[in-house]
Amino acid sequence: DSAVSSGSAAAQALDWLLPLEAQRHPVDVFAAEIVLAAECAWLEELVDPFVATLAALLAPRRASVCIFAFRERARASSTCFVSGEEVLRRLGRAGCDVRRREAVAGRPGMEEAAGGNTTQIFEVRRRGAGADAC
């Protein structure tokens, strides 16, 4: 089928502390249709830069969706880890809608971690973006 073979994919790691304009090479991050983010928003100091970067990538005429994977590490007494609930709250304040898609079992031996051994998968879109927005 020619529709299957006509697509392309590229990956680029981003530094959330740098402006996106400075990270357009080797791949133009503003040309992305889908953003994949996994295991990247669990330290308190990185959450706000991550949220700002994601909101910029999901801005109108840019990427339409982010698939975001998060495994809970925070405990009630955590000062360096941030809870998944707090990450989702900050995404909402940045103008994003978040929909929980599924949970995926993790690696054996990780059951004692703060959030257990499950990775949560979320779909993140710009608020009001299309019929699939939450």
Protein backbone atom coordinates (compact mmCIF):
# COMPACT_ATOMS: atom_id res chain seq x y z
CA ASP A 1 0.00 0.00 0.00
CA SER A 2 1.54 3.31 -1.06
CA ALA A 3 -0.02 5.21 1.87
CA VAL A 4 1.99 3.12 4.33
CA SER A 5 5.30 3.71 2.59
CA SER A 6 4.90 7.44 2.03
CA GLY A 7 5.40 8.55 5.65
CA SER A 8 8.53 9.39 7.55
CA ALA A 9 9.76 9.52 11.12
CA ALA A 10 12.56 11.36 12.87
CA ALA A 11 13.60 11.80 16.46
CA GLN A 12 15.29 14.60 18.31
CA ALA A 13 16.09 14.91 21.98
CA LEU A 14 15.16 18.29 23.43
CA ASP A 15 16.68 20.33 26.24
CA TRP A 16 13.72 21.95 28.00
CA LEU A 17 15.96 24.65 29.40
CA LEU A 18 16.80 25.96 25.92
CA PRO A 19 14.47 27.83 23.56
CA LEU A 20 12.89 25.62 20.90
CA GLU A 21 14.14 28.02 18.20
CA ALA A 22 17.68 26.96 19.09
CA GLN A 23 16.81 23.26 18.68
CA ARG A 24 15.62 23.10 15.08
CA HIS A 25 18.55 21.00 13.84
CA PRO A 26 19.09 18.30 12.76
CA VAL A 27 15.28 17.96 12.80
CA ASP A 28 12.90 20.92 12.77
CA VAL A 29 10.96 20.35 15.99
CA PHE A 30 8.18 22.64 14.74
CA ALA A 31 7.47 20.21 11.88
CA ALA A 32 6.48 17.41 14.29
CA GLU A 33 2.95 16.07 14.07
CA ILE A 34 3.29 13.83 17.13
CA VAL A 35 5.47 14.28 20.20
CA LEU A 36 6.53 11.24 22.22
CA ALA A 37 7.58 11.93 25.81
CA ALA A 38 8.54 9.10 28.13
CA GLU A 39 10.17 9.15 31.55
CA CYS A 40 10.90 12.85 31.31
CA ALA A 41 8.86 14.77 33.90
CA TRP A 42 9.52 13.30 37.31
CA LEU A 43 12.02 15.71 38.88
CA GLU A 44 10.44 18.86 40.31
CA GLU A 45 13.02 21.15 38.68
CA LEU A 46 12.25 19.81 35.19
CA VAL A 47 8.44 19.83 35.24
CA ASP A 48 7.84 23.52 34.47
CA PRO A 49 10.40 23.62 31.61
CA PHE A 50 8.92 20.35 30.24
CA VAL A 51 5.36 21.73 30.41
CA ALA A 52 6.38 25.00 28.72
CA THR A 53 8.19 23.12 25.94
CA LEU A 54 5.29 20.75 25.37
CA ALA A 55 2.74 23.58 25.34
CA ALA A 56 4.87 25.40 22.74
CA LEU A 57 5.08 22.28 20.58
CA LEU A 58 1.31 21.79 20.80
CA ALA A 59 0.60 25.42 19.89
CA PRO A 60 -1.68 26.05 16.89
CA ARG A 61 -0.24 24.91 13.56
CA ARG A 62 2.34 22.71 15.29
CA ALA A 63 2.21 19.15 16.68
CA SER A 64 -1.34 17.97 17.24
CA VAL A 65 -0.78 15.44 20.02
CA CYS A 66 1.74 14.21 22.57
CA ILE A 67 1.82 10.65 23.83
CA PHE A 68 3.19 11.00 27.35
CA ALA A 69 4.35 8.09 29.54
CA PHE A 70 4.76 8.62 33.29
CA ARG A 71 5.67 6.29 36.16
CA GLU A 72 4.97 7.59 39.65
CA ARG A 73 8.06 8.07 41.80
CA ALA A 74 6.85 10.67 44.31
CA ARG A 75 5.93 9.80 47.85
CA ALA A 76 4.07 12.12 50.20
CA SER A 77 7.40 13.23 51.69
CA SER A 78 9.17 13.74 48.33
CA THR A 79 10.91 17.06 47.78
CA CYS A 80 12.70 16.26 44.51
CA PHE A 81 10.14 14.01 42.78
CA VAL A 82 6.83 15.39 41.53
CA SER A 83 3.60 13.41 41.45
CA GLY A 84 1.84 12.50 38.23
CA GLU A 85 -1.22 14.38 39.49
CA GLU A 86 0.87 17.56 39.80
CA VAL A 87 2.35 17.15 36.29
CA LEU A 88 -1.17 16.79 34.88
CA ARG A 89 -2.36 19.84 36.86
CA ARG A 90 0.48 21.95 35.43
CA LEU A 91 -0.26 20.74 31.90
CA GLY A 92 -3.85 21.84 32.41
CA ARG A 93 -2.78 25.28 33.62
CA ALA A 94 -0.63 25.59 30.46
CA GLY A 95 -3.71 25.10 28.25
CA CYS A 96 -3.44 21.36 27.61
CA ASP A 97 -6.13 18.72 27.85
CA VAL A 98 -4.98 15.32 29.11
CA ARG A 99 -6.70 11.98 28.58
CA ARG A 100 -5.52 8.80 30.31
CA ARG A 101 -5.11 6.15 27.62
CA GLU A 102 -3.83 3.05 29.40
CA ALA A 103 -1.53 1.58 31.99
CA VAL A 104 1.37 -0.69 31.11
CA ALA A 105 3.01 -3.14 33.50
CA GLY A 106 6.62 -2.31 34.28
CA ARG A 107 9.79 -4.28 34.82
CA PRO A 108 9.98 -7.11 37.34
CA GLY A 109 11.48 -6.05 40.66
CA MET A 110 10.14 -2.48 40.54
CA GLU A 111 7.02 -3.16 42.61
CA GLU A 112 8.45 -1.42 45.68
CA ALA A 113 8.71 1.94 43.87
CA ALA A 114 6.48 4.74 45.13
CA GLY A 115 3.89 4.39 42.41
CA GLY A 116 4.21 0.67 41.96
CA ASN A 117 5.27 -0.99 38.76
CA THR A 118 2.93 0.65 36.27
CA THR A 119 3.56 3.24 33.60
CA GLN A 120 0.58 5.45 32.80
CA ILE A 121 0.09 6.51 29.17
CA PHE A 122 -1.60 9.85 28.46
CA GLU A 123 -2.71 11.69 25.35
CA VAL A 124 -2.02 15.43 25.62
CA ARG A 125 -3.52 18.01 23.25
CA ARG A 126 -3.84 21.76 23.16
CA ARG A 127 -7.16 22.71 24.79
CA GLY A 128 -9.92 22.80 22.20
CA ALA A 129 -7.75 21.23 19.48
CA GLY A 130 -9.98 19.16 17.22
CA ALA A 131 -12.77 16.71 17.85
CA ASP A 132 -10.53 14.39 19.90
CA ALA A 133 -9.65 17.01 22.50
CA CYS A 134 -10.69 16.04 26.00
